[in-house]
């Protein structure tokens, strides 16, 4: 997993104009491709990332859940939401629904 690239993409997302949906979508797609490479490494990243990084990654929770179909990933999301204090309950709910739908 290319952690350096993840951090660069998150930094770009953090500095991006929130109204620029095209760039935001491209950024999310690039992040998704990296996270989809390996479930264990993705969870390890979530377990060690900053609150700001976790906040931006939470946008991807439903897509990651749909892709991996892993209850352990959902538990990792919940654990790290508590650890970081990031309010991403709605993102986790969408992730749970994506897990159930596939």
Protein backbone atom coordinates (compact mmCIF):
# COMPACT_ATOMS: atom_id res chain seq x y z
CA UNK A 1 0.00 0.00 0.00
CA UNK A 2 1.38 3.35 -1.03
CA UNK A 3 0.90 5.32 2.20
CA UNK A 4 2.78 8.32 0.84
CA UNK A 5 0.37 8.55 -2.11
CA UNK A 6 -2.63 8.22 0.22
CA UNK A 7 -1.37 11.08 2.36
CA UNK A 8 -0.74 13.22 -0.74
CA UNK A 9 -4.25 12.55 -2.05
CA UNK A 10 -5.80 13.37 1.32
CA UNK A 11 -3.81 16.60 1.48
CA UNK A 12 -5.05 17.50 -2.00
CA UNK A 13 -8.63 16.71 -0.97
CA UNK A 14 -8.27 18.81 2.17
CA UNK A 15 -7.15 21.82 0.11
CA UNK A 16 -9.65 21.29 -2.71
CA UNK A 17 -12.53 23.64 -3.45
CA UNK A 18 -15.51 21.81 -1.89
CA UNK A 19 -17.66 22.78 -4.88
CA UNK A 20 -15.38 21.03 -7.38
CA UNK A 21 -17.16 17.69 -7.69
CA UNK A 22 -15.09 16.54 -10.66
CA UNK A 23 -11.77 16.84 -8.82
CA UNK A 24 -13.30 15.38 -5.65
CA UNK A 25 -14.57 12.35 -7.58
CA UNK A 26 -11.19 11.83 -9.26
CA UNK A 27 -9.45 12.06 -5.89
CA UNK A 28 -11.83 9.55 -4.33
CA UNK A 29 -11.37 7.11 -7.22
CA UNK A 30 -7.60 7.24 -6.80
CA UNK A 31 -7.89 6.64 -3.06
CA UNK A 32 -10.32 3.77 -3.60
CA UNK A 33 -7.96 2.04 -6.00
CA UNK A 34 -5.20 2.12 -3.39
CA UNK A 35 -7.40 0.93 -0.52
CA UNK A 36 -8.94 -1.87 -2.62
CA UNK A 37 -5.50 -3.46 -3.01
CA UNK A 38 -5.53 -5.09 0.43
CA UNK A 39 -8.09 -5.24 3.24
CA UNK A 40 -5.60 -5.84 6.05
CA UNK A 41 -3.36 -2.96 5.00
CA UNK A 42 -6.41 -0.71 4.64
CA UNK A 43 -7.51 -1.52 8.18
CA UNK A 44 -3.96 -1.01 9.46
CA UNK A 45 -3.95 2.44 7.86
CA UNK A 46 -7.28 3.30 9.47
CA UNK A 47 -5.92 2.13 12.83
CA UNK A 48 -2.99 4.54 12.63
CA UNK A 49 -4.18 7.53 10.61
CA UNK A 50 -4.82 11.02 11.94
CA UNK A 51 -8.30 12.33 12.64
CA UNK A 52 -8.13 14.52 9.53
CA UNK A 53 -7.09 11.58 7.35
CA UNK A 54 -9.86 9.45 8.84
CA UNK A 55 -12.39 12.21 8.17
CA UNK A 56 -11.58 12.27 4.45
CA UNK A 57 -11.38 8.49 4.14
CA UNK A 58 -14.84 8.19 5.69
CA UNK A 59 -16.21 9.43 2.34
CA UNK A 60 -15.15 6.06 0.94
CA UNK A 61 -16.62 3.79 3.62
CA UNK A 62 -19.65 2.61 1.65
CA UNK A 63 -17.57 1.83 -1.45
CA UNK A 64 -14.95 -0.02 0.60
CA UNK A 65 -17.62 -1.98 2.41
CA UNK A 66 -19.34 -2.95 -0.82
CA UNK A 67 -16.01 -4.05 -2.30
CA UNK A 68 -14.60 -6.01 0.65
CA UNK A 69 -17.85 -7.33 2.22
CA UNK A 70 -16.13 -7.51 5.61
CA UNK A 71 -17.70 -7.16 9.04
CA UNK A 72 -14.17 -6.66 10.41
CA UNK A 73 -13.82 -3.56 8.25
CA UNK A 74 -17.05 -2.15 9.71
CA UNK A 75 -15.73 -2.82 13.21
CA UNK A 76 -12.47 -1.09 12.26
CA UNK A 77 -14.42 1.95 11.05
CA UNK A 78 -16.41 2.10 14.29
CA UNK A 79 -13.32 1.64 16.46
CA UNK A 80 -11.45 4.40 14.68
CA UNK A 81 -14.40 6.78 14.70
CA UNK A 82 -14.26 6.53 18.48
CA UNK A 83 -10.45 6.79 18.54
CA UNK A 84 -10.32 9.90 16.37
CA UNK A 85 -13.52 11.57 17.55
CA UNK A 86 -14.61 12.01 13.93
CA UNK A 87 -18.40 12.11 13.56
CA UNK A 88 -18.92 9.75 10.64
CA UNK A 89 -21.88 7.76 11.94
CA UNK A 90 -23.84 8.30 8.72
CA UNK A 91 -20.88 7.06 6.64
CA UNK A 92 -20.66 3.93 8.79
CA UNK A 93 -24.42 3.37 8.43
CA UNK A 94 -24.06 3.53 4.65
CA UNK A 95 -21.15 1.09 4.90
CA UNK A 96 -23.31 -1.32 6.90
CA UNK A 97 -26.06 -1.09 4.28
CA UNK A 98 -23.53 -1.75 1.50
CA UNK A 99 -22.37 -4.83 3.39
CA UNK A 100 -25.91 -6.18 3.65
CA UNK A 101 -26.91 -5.42 0.06
CA UNK A 102 -24.29 -7.49 -1.68
